[in-house]
PDB file of N, CA and C in Angstrom:
ATOM      1  N   MET A   1     275.017  19.509 106.589  1.00  0.00           N
ATOM      2  CA  MET A   1     273.660  19.607 105.597  1.00  0.00           C
ATOM      3  C   MET A   1     272.431  19.804 106.260  1.00  0.00           C
ATOM      4  N   LYS A   2     271.358  20.977 106.138  1.00  0.00           N
ATOM      5  CA  LYS A   2     270.960  21.573 106.518  1.00  0.00           C
ATOM      6  C   LYS A   2     269.617  20.782 106.379  1.00  0.00           C
ATOM      7  N   LYS A   3     269.382  19.786 105.169  1.00  0.00           N
ATOM      8  CA  LYS A   3     267.893  19.093 105.112  1.00  0.00           C
ATOM      9  C   LYS A   3     267.755  17.995 106.123  1.00  0.00           C
ATOM     10  N   ILE A   4     269.224  17.316 106.576  1.00  0.00           N
ATOM     11  CA  ILE A   4     269.215  16.732 108.132  1.00  0.00           C
ATOM     12  C   ILE A   4     268.746  17.283 108.917  1.00  0.00           C
ATOM     13  N   LYS A   5     269.410  18.585 109.309  1.00  0.00           N
ATOM     14  CA  LYS A   5     268.868  19.132 110.409  1.00  0.00           C
ATOM     15  C   LYS A   5     267.500  19.301 110.617  1.00  0.00           C
ATOM     16  N   LYS A   6     267.212  19.874 109.548  1.00  0.00           N
ATOM     17  CA  LYS A   6     265.489  19.775 109.365  1.00  0.00           C
ATOM     18  C   LYS A   6     264.746  18.131 109.969  1.00  0.00           C
ATOM     19  N   TYR A   7     265.346  16.991 108.876  1.00  0.00           N
ATOM     20  CA  TYR A   7     265.020  16.137 109.493  1.00  0.00           C
ATOM     21  C   TYR A   7     264.718  15.950 110.932  1.00  0.00           C
ATOM     22  N   VAL A   8     265.724  16.126 111.669  1.00  0.00           N
ATOM     23  CA  VAL A   8     265.973  16.008 113.089  1.00  0.00           C
ATOM     24  C   VAL A   8     265.008  16.878 113.917  1.00  0.00           C
ATOM     25  N   ASN A   9     265.022  18.059 113.561  1.00  0.00           N
ATOM     26  CA  ASN A   9     264.085  18.682 114.259  1.00  0.00           C
ATOM     27  C   ASN A   9     262.910  18.499 114.291  1.00  0.00           C
ATOM     28  N   MET A  10     262.308  17.668 113.298  1.00  0.00           N
ATOM     29  CA  MET A  10     260.612  17.616 113.075  1.00  0.00           C
ATOM     30  C   MET A  10     260.753  16.046 113.622  1.00  0.00           C
ATOM     31  N   ILE A  11     261.402  15.087 113.872  1.00  0.00           N
ATOM     32  CA  ILE A  11     261.363  14.158 114.504  1.00  0.00           C
ATOM     33  C   ILE A  11     261.226  14.334 116.005  1.00  0.00           C
ATOM     34  N   LYS A  12     262.414  15.388 116.199  1.00  0.00           N
ATOM     35  CA  LYS A  12     262.380  15.678 117.489  1.00  0.00           C
ATOM     36  C   LYS A  12     260.998  15.972 118.094  1.00  0.00           C
ATOM     37  N   ASP A  13     260.275  17.024 117.203  1.00  0.00           N
ATOM     38  CA  ASP A  13     258.527  17.862 117.381  1.00  0.00           C
ATOM     39  C   ASP A  13     257.774  16.838 117.551  1.00  0.00           C
ATOM     40  N   GLU A  14     257.722  15.731 116.730  1.00  0.00           N
ATOM     41  CA  GLU A  14     256.585  14.589 116.580  1.00  0.00           C
ATOM     42  C   GLU A  14     257.236  13.784 118.096  1.00  0.00           C
ATOM     43  N   ILE A  15     258.309  13.595 118.501  1.00  0.00           N
ATOM     44  CA  ILE A  15     258.698  12.625 119.750  1.00  0.00           C
ATOM     45  C   ILE A  15     258.492  13.456 120.842  1.00  0.00           C
ATOM     46  N   GLU A  16     258.541  14.519 121.091  1.00  0.00           N
ATOM     47  CA  GLU A  16     258.195  15.285 121.821  1.00  0.00           C
ATOM     48  C   GLU A  16     256.528  15.343 121.900  1.00  0.00           C
ATOM     49  N   SER A  17     255.978  15.988 121.248  1.00  0.00           N
ATOM     50  CA  SER A  17     254.616  15.699 121.124  1.00  0.00           C
ATOM     51  C   SER A  17     253.859  14.788 121.568  1.00  0.00           C
ATOM     52  N   ALA A  18     254.514  13.071 121.209  1.00  0.00           N
ATOM     53  CA  ALA A  18     254.244  12.032 121.900  1.00  0.00           C
ATOM     54  C   ALA A  18     254.438  11.841 123.177  1.00  0.00           C
ATOM     55  N   GLU A  19     255.247  12.216 123.970  1.00  0.00           N
ATOM     56  CA  GLU A  19     255.922  12.412 125.411  1.00  0.00           C
ATOM     57  C   GLU A  19     254.670  13.190 126.000  1.00  0.00           C
ATOM     58  N   GLU A  20     254.617  14.170 125.323  1.00  0.00           N
ATOM     59  CA  GLU A  20     253.676  14.936 126.253  1.00  0.00           C
ATOM     60  C   GLU A  20     252.257  14.541 125.999  1.00  0.00           C
ATOM     61  N   TYR A  21     251.316  13.651 124.939  1.00  0.00           N
ATOM     62  CA  TYR A  21     250.062  13.124 124.760  1.00  0.00           C
ATOM     63  C   TYR A  21     250.424  11.898 125.786  1.00  0.00           C
ATOM     64  N   ALA A  22     251.373  11.248 126.210  1.00  0.00           N
ATOM     65  CA  ALA A  22     251.170  10.311 127.476  1.00  0.00           C
ATOM     66  C   ALA A  22     251.494  10.630 128.353  1.00  0.00           C
ATOM     67  N   GLU A  23     252.060  11.851 128.787  1.00  0.00           N
ATOM     68  CA  GLU A  23     252.051  12.348 130.149  1.00  0.00           C
ATOM     69  C   GLU A  23     250.208  12.753 130.477  1.00  0.00           C
ATOM     70  N   LYS A  24     249.466  13.048 129.477  1.00  0.00           N
ATOM     71  CA  LYS A  24     248.258  13.361 129.407  1.00  0.00           C
ATOM     72  C   LYS A  24     247.497  12.367 129.609  1.00  0.00           C
ATOM     73  N   TYR A  25     247.709  10.848 128.821  1.00  0.00           N
ATOM     74  CA  TYR A  25     247.469   9.787 128.541  1.00  0.00           C
ATOM     75  C   TYR A  25     247.326   9.374 130.566  1.00  0.00           C
ATOM     76  N   VAL A  26     248.148   9.398 130.752  1.00  0.00           N
ATOM     77  CA  VAL A  26     248.824   8.655 132.450  1.00  0.00           C
ATOM     78  C   VAL A  26     247.631   9.869 133.511  1.00  0.00           C
ATOM     79  N   GLU A  27     248.509  10.679 133.420  1.00  0.00           N
ATOM     80  CA  GLU A  27     246.979  11.462 134.143  1.00  0.00           C
ATOM     81  C   GLU A  27     245.590  11.491 134.068  1.00  0.00           C
ATOM     82  N   ALA A  28     245.293  11.032 133.056  1.00  0.00           N
ATOM     83  CA  ALA A  28     243.670  11.207 132.664  1.00  0.00           C
ATOM     84  C   ALA A  28     243.462   9.443 133.304  1.00  0.00           C
ATOM     85  N   LYS A  29     243.940   8.553 132.772  1.00  0.00           N
ATOM     86  CA  LYS A  29     244.185   7.369 133.493  1.00  0.00           C
ATOM     87  C   LYS A  29     244.246   7.443 134.780  1.00  0.00           C
ATOM     88  N   ALA A  30     244.705   8.365 135.288  1.00  0.00           N
ATOM     89  CA  ALA A  30     244.717   8.243 137.132  1.00  0.00           C
ATOM     90  C   ALA A  30     243.594   8.941 137.967  1.00  0.00           C
ATOM     91  N   MET A  31     242.767   9.540 136.949  1.00  0.00           N
ATOM     92  CA  MET A  31     242.234  10.125 137.376  1.00  0.00           C
ATOM     93  C   MET A  31     240.723   9.473 136.999  1.00  0.00           C
ATOM     94  N   GLY A  32     240.656   8.287 136.134  1.00  0.00           N
ATOM     95  CA  GLY A  32     239.690   7.682 135.795  1.00  0.00           C
ATOM     96  C   GLY A  32     238.621   8.447 134.594  1.00  0.00           C
ATOM     97  N   GLU A  33     239.448   8.933 133.578  1.00  0.00           N
ATOM     98  CA  GLU A  33     238.751   9.795 132.743  1.00  0.00           C
ATOM     99  C   GLU A  33     239.248   8.409 131.003  1.00  0.00           C
ATOM    100  N   THR A  34     238.466   7.356 130.918  1.00  0.00           N
ATOM    101  CA  THR A  34     239.135   6.528 130.355  1.00  0.00           C
ATOM    102  C   THR A  34     238.947   6.891 129.233  1.00  0.00           C
ATOM    103  N   THR A  35     237.739   7.915 128.408  1.00  0.00           N
ATOM    104  CA  THR A  35     237.673   7.985 127.248  1.00  0.00           C
ATOM    105  C   THR A  35     238.499   9.012 126.841  1.00  0.00           C
ATOM    106  N   ASN A  36     239.062   9.984 127.432  1.00  0.00           N
ATOM    107  CA  ASN A  36     239.969  10.703 127.111  1.00  0.00           C
ATOM    108  C   ASN A  36     241.531  10.492 127.235  1.00  0.00           C
ATOM    109  N   ALA A  37     241.347   9.337 128.208  1.00  0.00           N
ATOM    110  CA  ALA A  37     242.634   8.563 128.058  1.00  0.00           C
ATOM    111  C   ALA A  37     243.131   8.105 127.007  1.00  0.00           C
ATOM    112  N   GLU A  38     242.273   7.062 126.543  1.00  0.00           N
ATOM    113  CA  GLU A  38     242.381   6.419 124.839  1.00  0.00           C
ATOM    114  C   GLU A  38     242.850   6.776 124.143  1.00  0.00           C
ATOM    115  N   LYS A  39     242.041   8.328 123.900  1.00  0.00           N
ATOM    116  CA  LYS A  39     242.700   9.468 123.207  1.00  0.00           C
ATOM    117  C   LYS A  39     244.057   9.957 123.210  1.00  0.00           C
ATOM    118  N   TYR A  40     244.096  10.583 124.147  1.00  0.00           N
ATOM    119  CA  TYR A  40     246.000  10.620 124.376  1.00  0.00           C
ATOM    120  C   TYR A  40     246.591   9.660 123.888  1.00  0.00           C
ATOM    121  N   LYS A  41     246.276   8.251 124.477  1.00  0.00           N
ATOM    122  CA  LYS A  41     247.112   7.011 123.855  1.00  0.00           C
ATOM    123  C   LYS A  41     247.069   7.115 122.690  1.00  0.00           C
ATOM    124  N   LEU A  42     246.017   7.125 121.914  1.00  0.00           N
ATOM    125  CA  LEU A  42     246.870   7.060 120.525  1.00  0.00           C
ATOM    126  C   LEU A  42     246.857   8.350 119.567  1.00  0.00           C
ATOM    127  N   PHE A  43     246.627   9.687 119.978  1.00  0.00           N
ATOM    128  CA  PHE A  43     247.356  10.492 119.841  1.00  0.00           C
ATOM    129  C   PHE A  43     248.832  10.315 120.116  1.00  0.00           C
ATOM    130  N   ALA A  44     249.512   9.547 121.208  1.00  0.00           N
ATOM    131  CA  ALA A  44     250.607   9.602 121.005  1.00  0.00           C
ATOM    132  C   ALA A  44     251.289   8.508 120.243  1.00  0.00           C
ATOM    133  N   GLN A  45     250.770   7.787 119.934  1.00  0.00           N
ATOM    134  CA  GLN A  45     251.072   6.412 119.270  1.00  0.00           C
ATOM    135  C   GLN A  45     251.083   6.982 117.716  1.00  0.00           C
ATOM    136  N   GLN A  46     250.025   7.671 117.400  1.00  0.00           N
ATOM    137  CA  GLN A  46     249.881   8.827 116.277  1.00  0.00           C
ATOM    138  C   GLN A  46     251.128   9.588 116.057  1.00  0.00           C
ATOM    139  N   GLU A  47     251.196  10.327 117.374  1.00  0.00           N
ATOM    140  CA  GLU A  47     252.879  11.254 116.867  1.00  0.00           C
ATOM    141  C   GLU A  47     254.301  10.307 116.561  1.00  0.00           C
ATOM    142  N   ILE A  48     254.447   8.645 117.075  1.00  0.00           N
ATOM    143  CA  ILE A  48     255.143   8.125 117.072  1.00  0.00           C
ATOM    144  C   ILE A  48     255.530   7.661 115.901  1.00  0.00           C
ATOM    145  N   ASP A  49     254.385   7.273 115.189  1.00  0.00           N
ATOM    146  CA  ASP A  49     254.003   6.706 113.980  1.00  0.00           C
ATOM    147  C   ASP A  49     254.689   7.617 113.260  1.00  0.00           C
ATOM    148  N   HIS A  50     254.507   9.203 112.860  1.00  0.00           N
ATOM    149  CA  HIS A  50     254.607  10.179 112.375  1.00  0.00           C
ATOM    150  C   HIS A  50     256.280  10.543 112.407  1.00  0.00           C
ATOM    151  N   GLY A  51     256.724  10.297 113.782  1.00  0.00           N
ATOM    152  CA  GLY A  51     258.641  10.476 113.948  1.00  0.00           C
ATOM    153  C   GLY A  51     259.169   9.431 113.542  1.00  0.00           C
ATOM    154  N   MET A  52     258.662   8.278 113.564  1.00  0.00           N
ATOM    155  CA  MET A  52     259.037   7.195 112.746  1.00  0.00           C
ATOM    156  C   MET A  52     259.225   7.448 111.555  1.00  0.00           C
ATOM    157  N   PHE A  53     258.044   7.666 110.769  1.00  0.00           N
ATOM    158  CA  PHE A  53     258.004   7.791 109.527  1.00  0.00           C
ATOM    159  C   PHE A  53     258.896   8.616 108.970  1.00  0.00           C
ATOM    160  N   ILE A  54     259.120   9.798 109.592  1.00  0.00           N
ATOM    161  CA  ILE A  54     259.943  11.013 108.907  1.00  0.00           C
ATOM    162  C   ILE A  54     262.010  10.219 109.497  1.00  0.00           C
ATOM    163  N   HIS A  55     261.683   9.569 110.576  1.00  0.00           N
ATOM    164  CA  HIS A  55     263.081   8.970 110.194  1.00  0.00           C
ATOM    165  C   HIS A  55     263.814   8.264 109.276  1.00  0.00           C
ATOM    166  N   GLN A  56     262.486   7.130 108.586  1.00  0.00           N
ATOM    167  CA  GLN A  56     262.560   6.537 107.760  1.00  0.00           C
ATOM    168  C   GLN A  56     263.294   7.211 106.225  1.00  0.00           C
ATOM    169  N   ILE A  57     262.116   8.375 106.311  1.00  0.00           N
ATOM    170  CA  ILE A  57     262.813   9.438 105.488  1.00  0.00           C
ATOM    171  C   ILE A  57     264.229  10.048 104.931  1.00  0.00           C
ATOM    172  N   ALA A  58     264.694  10.437 106.337  1.00  0.00           N
ATOM    173  CA  ALA A  58     265.657  10.820 106.721  1.00  0.00           C
ATOM    174  C   ALA A  58     266.686   9.481 106.676  1.00  0.00           C
ATOM    175  N   SER A  59     266.730   8.489 107.365  1.00  0.00           N
ATOM    176  CA  SER A  59     267.191   7.282 106.933  1.00  0.00           C
ATOM    177  C   SER A  59     267.829   6.829 105.517  1.00  0.00           C
ATOM    178  N   ASP A  60     266.876   7.453 104.413  1.00  0.00           N
ATOM    179  CA  ASP A  60     267.004   6.870 103.310  1.00  0.00           C
ATOM    180  C   ASP A  60     267.692   8.058 102.407  1.00  0.00           C
ATOM    181  N   PHE A  61     267.180   9.224 102.967  1.00  0.00           N
ATOM    182  CA  PHE A  61     267.955  10.507 102.250  1.00  0.00           C
ATOM    183  C   PHE A  61     269.953  10.133 102.473  1.00  0.00           C
ATOM    184  N   ILE A  62     270.064   9.985 103.526  1.00  0.00           N
ATOM    185  CA  ILE A  62     271.462   9.582 104.191  1.00  0.00           C
ATOM    186  C   ILE A  62     271.836   8.437 103.193  1.00  0.00           C
ATOM    187  N   ALA A  63     271.680   7.344 103.180  1.00  0.00           N
ATOM    188  CA  ALA A  63     271.533   6.210 102.808  1.00  0.00           C
ATOM    189  C   ALA A  63     272.022   6.743 101.141  1.00  0.00           C
ATOM    190  N   LYS A  64     271.290   7.357 100.187  1.00  0.00           N
ATOM    191  CA  LYS A  64     271.344   7.964  98.981  1.00  0.00           C
ATOM    192  C   LYS A  64     272.546   8.965  99.086  1.00  0.00           C
ATOM    193  N   VAL A  65     272.338   9.659  99.633  1.00  0.00           N
ATOM    194  CA  VAL A  65     273.710  10.713  99.823  1.00  0.00           C
ATOM    195  C   VAL A  65     275.011  10.312  99.983  1.00  0.00           C
ATOM    196  N   GLN A  66     275.039   9.208 100.913  1.00  0.00           N
ATOM    197  CA  GLN A  66     276.662   8.296 101.333  1.00  0.00           C
ATOM    198  C   GLN A  66     277.169   7.465  99.889  1.00  0.00           C
ATOM    199  N   LYS A  67     275.850   7.428  98.935  1.00  0.00           N
ATOM    200  CA  LYS A  67     276.747   7.161  97.538  1.00  0.00           C
ATOM    201  C   LYS A  67     277.086   8.192  96.649  1.00  0.00           C
ATOM    202  N   VAL A  68     276.943   9.494  96.835  1.00  0.00           N
ATOM    203  CA  VAL A  68     277.449  10.521  96.092  1.00  0.00           C
ATOM    204  C   VAL A  68     278.779  10.943  96.541  1.00  0.00           C
ATOM    205  N   VAL A  69     278.634  11.365  98.276  1.00  0.00           N
ATOM    206  CA  VAL A  69     279.788  11.922  98.860  1.00  0.00           C
ATOM    207  C   VAL A  69     279.416  11.290 100.297  1.00  0.00           C
ATOM    208  N   THR A  70     280.882  11.616 100.425  1.00  0.00           N
ATOM    209  CA  THR A  70     280.901  11.315 101.909  1.00  0.00           C
ATOM    210  C   THR A  70     280.110  13.140 102.632  1.00  0.00           C
ATOM    211  N   PRO A  71     279.258  12.855 103.459  1.00  0.00           N
ATOM    212  CA  PRO A  71     279.010  13.450 104.835  1.00  0.00           C
ATOM    213  C   PRO A  71     279.902  14.222 105.653  1.00  0.00           C
ATOM    214  N   PRO A  72     279.980  15.238 106.330  1.00  0.00           N
ATOM    215  CA  PRO A  72     280.771  15.443 106.902  1.00  0.00           C
ATOM    216  C   PRO A  72     280.609  14.758 108.107  1.00  0.00           C
ATOM    217  N   ALA A  73     281.833  14.807 108.964  1.00  0.00           N
ATOM    218  CA  ALA A  73     281.716  13.135 110.028  1.00  0.00           C
ATOM    219  C   ALA A  73     280.858  14.367 111.396  1.00  0.00           C
ATOM    220  N   ASP A  74     280.823  15.129 111.472  1.00  0.00           N
ATOM    221  CA  ASP A  74     280.414  16.152 112.508  1.00  0.00           C
ATOM    222  C   ASP A  74     278.450  15.829 112.395  1.00  0.00           C
ATOM    223  N   MET A  75     278.225  15.758 111.033  1.00  0.00           N
ATOM    224  CA  MET A  75     277.056  15.930 110.745  1.00  0.00           C
ATOM    225  C   MET A  75     276.881  14.094 111.132  1.00  0.00           C
ATOM    226  N   MET A  76     277.236  13.515 110.526  1.00  0.00           N
ATOM    227  CA  MET A  76     276.708  12.171 110.949  1.00  0.00           C
ATOM    228  C   MET A  76     276.819  11.266 112.608  1.00  0.00           C
ATOM    229  N   GLU A  77     277.922  12.336 113.057  1.00  0.00           N
ATOM    230  CA  GLU A  77     278.047  12.020 114.495  1.00  0.00           C
ATOM    231  C   GLU A  77     276.469  12.669 115.616  1.00  0.00           C
ATOM    232  N   LYS A  78     275.892  13.758 114.624  1.00  0.00           N
ATOM    233  CA  LYS A  78     274.729  15.003 115.048  1.00  0.00           C
ATOM    234  C   LYS A  78     273.652  13.390 115.439  1.00  0.00           C
ATOM    235  N   TRP A  79     273.465  13.466 113.799  1.00  0.00           N
ATOM    236  CA  TRP A  79     272.606  11.838 113.256  1.00  0.00           C
ATOM    237  C   TRP A  79     272.551  10.946 114.230  1.00  0.00           C
ATOM    238  N   GLU A  80     273.832  10.334 114.595  1.00  0.00           N
ATOM    239  CA  GLU A  80     274.085   9.576 115.359  1.00  0.00           C
ATOM    240  C   GLU A  80     273.254   9.701 116.554  1.00  0.00           C
ATOM    241  N   GLN A  81     273.543  10.903 116.717  1.00  0.00           N
ATOM    242  CA  GLN A  81     273.047  10.982 118.289  1.00  0.00           C
ATOM    243  C   GLN A  81     271.647  11.311 118.589  1.00  0.00           C
ATOM    244  N   ALA A  82     270.621  11.874 117.362  1.00  0.00           N
ATOM    245  CA  ALA A  82     269.486  11.938 117.311  1.00  0.00           C
ATOM    246  C   ALA A  82     268.781  10.941 117.541  1.00  0.00           C
ATOM    247  N   HIS A  83     269.714  10.054 116.288  1.00  0.00           N
ATOM    248  CA  HIS A  83     269.099   8.416 116.496  1.00  0.00           C
ATOM    249  C   HIS A  83     268.636   7.576 117.642  1.00  0.00           C
ATOM    250  N   VAL A  84     269.735   7.856 117.986  1.00  0.00           N
ATOM    251  CA  VAL A  84     269.852   7.057 119.831  1.00  0.00           C
ATOM    252  C   VAL A  84     268.963   7.671 120.478  1.00  0.00           C
ATOM    253  N   GLU A  85     268.743   9.409 120.665  1.00  0.00           N
ATOM    254  CA  GLU A  85     267.634   9.792 121.092  1.00  0.00           C
ATOM    255  C   GLU A  85     266.022   9.419 121.475  1.00  0.00           C
ATOM    256  N   CYS A  86     266.515   9.288 119.889  1.00  0.00           N
ATOM    257  CA  CYS A  86     264.732   9.644 119.337  1.00  0.00           C
ATOM    258  C   CYS A  86     264.434   7.958 119.543  1.00  0.00           C
ATOM    259  N   ILE A  87     265.494   6.826 119.381  1.00  0.00           N
ATOM    260  CA  ILE A  87     264.869   5.817 119.856  1.00  0.00           C
ATOM    261  C   ILE A  87     264.073   5.346 120.939  1.00  0.00           C
ATOM    262  N   SER A  88     265.575   5.788 122.156  1.00  0.00           N
ATOM    263  CA  SER A  88     265.263   5.880 123.916  1.00  0.00           C
ATOM    264  C   SER A  88     263.979   6.469 124.355  1.00  0.00           C
ATOM    265  N   LYS A  89     263.879   7.464 123.423  1.00  0.00           N
ATOM    266  CA  LYS A  89     262.700   8.226 124.219  1.00  0.00           C
ATOM    267  C   LYS A  89     261.225   7.416 124.030  1.00  0.00           C
ATOM    268  N   VAL A  90     261.231   7.369 122.539  1.00  0.00           N
ATOM    269  CA  VAL A  90     260.213   6.558 121.697  1.00  0.00           C
ATOM    270  C   VAL A  90     260.220   5.275 122.733  1.00  0.00           C
ATOM    271  N   ASP A  91     261.207   4.158 123.070  1.00  0.00           N
ATOM    272  CA  ASP A  91     261.001   2.973 123.761  1.00  0.00           C
ATOM    273  C   ASP A  91     260.244   3.173 125.548  1.00  0.00           C
ATOM    274  N   SER A  92     261.003   4.978 126.263  1.00  0.00           N
ATOM    275  CA  SER A  92     260.027   5.429 127.134  1.00  0.00           C
ATOM    276  C   SER A  92     258.734   5.664 127.035  1.00  0.00           C
ATOM    277  N   ILE A  93     258.641   6.274 125.946  1.00  0.00           N
ATOM    278  CA  ILE A  93     256.904   6.899 125.671  1.00  0.00           C
ATOM    279  C   ILE A  93     255.853   5.544 125.823  1.00  0.00           C
ATOM    280  N   LYS A  94     256.574   4.482 125.248  1.00  0.00           N
ATOM    281  CA  LYS A  94     256.022   3.379 124.462  1.00  0.00           C
ATOM    282  C   LYS A  94     256.180   2.531 126.186  1.00  0.00           C
ATOM    283  N   ALA A  95     256.561   2.982 127.062  1.00  0.00           N
ATOM    284  CA  ALA A  95     256.239   1.658 128.202  1.00  0.00           C
ATOM    285  C   ALA A  95     255.347   2.703 129.221  1.00  0.00           C
ATOM    286  N   MET A  96     255.105   4.165 128.969  1.00  0.00           N
ATOM    287  CA  MET A  96     254.329   4.548 129.811  1.00  0.00           C
ATOM    288  C   MET A  96     252.631   4.044 129.071  1.00  0.00           C
ATOM    289  N   LEU A  97     252.956   4.101 127.864  1.00  0.00           N
ATOM    290  CA  LEU A  97     251.164   3.624 127.586  1.00  0.00           C
ATOM    291  C   LEU A  97     251.088   2.332 127.565  1.00  0.00           C
ATOM    292  N   ALA A  98     252.056   1.594 127.769  1.00  0.00           N
ATOM    293  CA  ALA A  98     251.615   0.334 128.598  1.00  0.00           C
ATOM    294  C   ALA A  98     250.773  -0.035 129.327  1.00  0.00           C
ATOM    295  N   LYS A  99     250.926   0.806 130.637  1.00  0.00           N
ATOM    296  CA  LYS A  99     250.487   0.755 131.494  1.00  0.00           C
ATOM    297  C   LYS A  99     248.514   1.541 131.741  1.00  0.00           C
TER     298      LYS A  99
END
């Protein structure tokens, strides 16, 4: 299903952006640039929120589809893999932002 693949790509884009902002946060904080660091932290958190919102939309869509048809097993495996990667990466980013 192309729609689920699009959701996965959208989620990955948001999480990758969050990771980039988190790295900039760490760098700015290390350089003593408090104002910039806080902005990057805010941006990272917003990107995480965007990704999680899209993740919820995708999860809801999959649940609705499953009531009508059985999605292909390989598609569901890819979704599960993307889900696990997303959650793991978000946890890593949150750890960066907690410092």
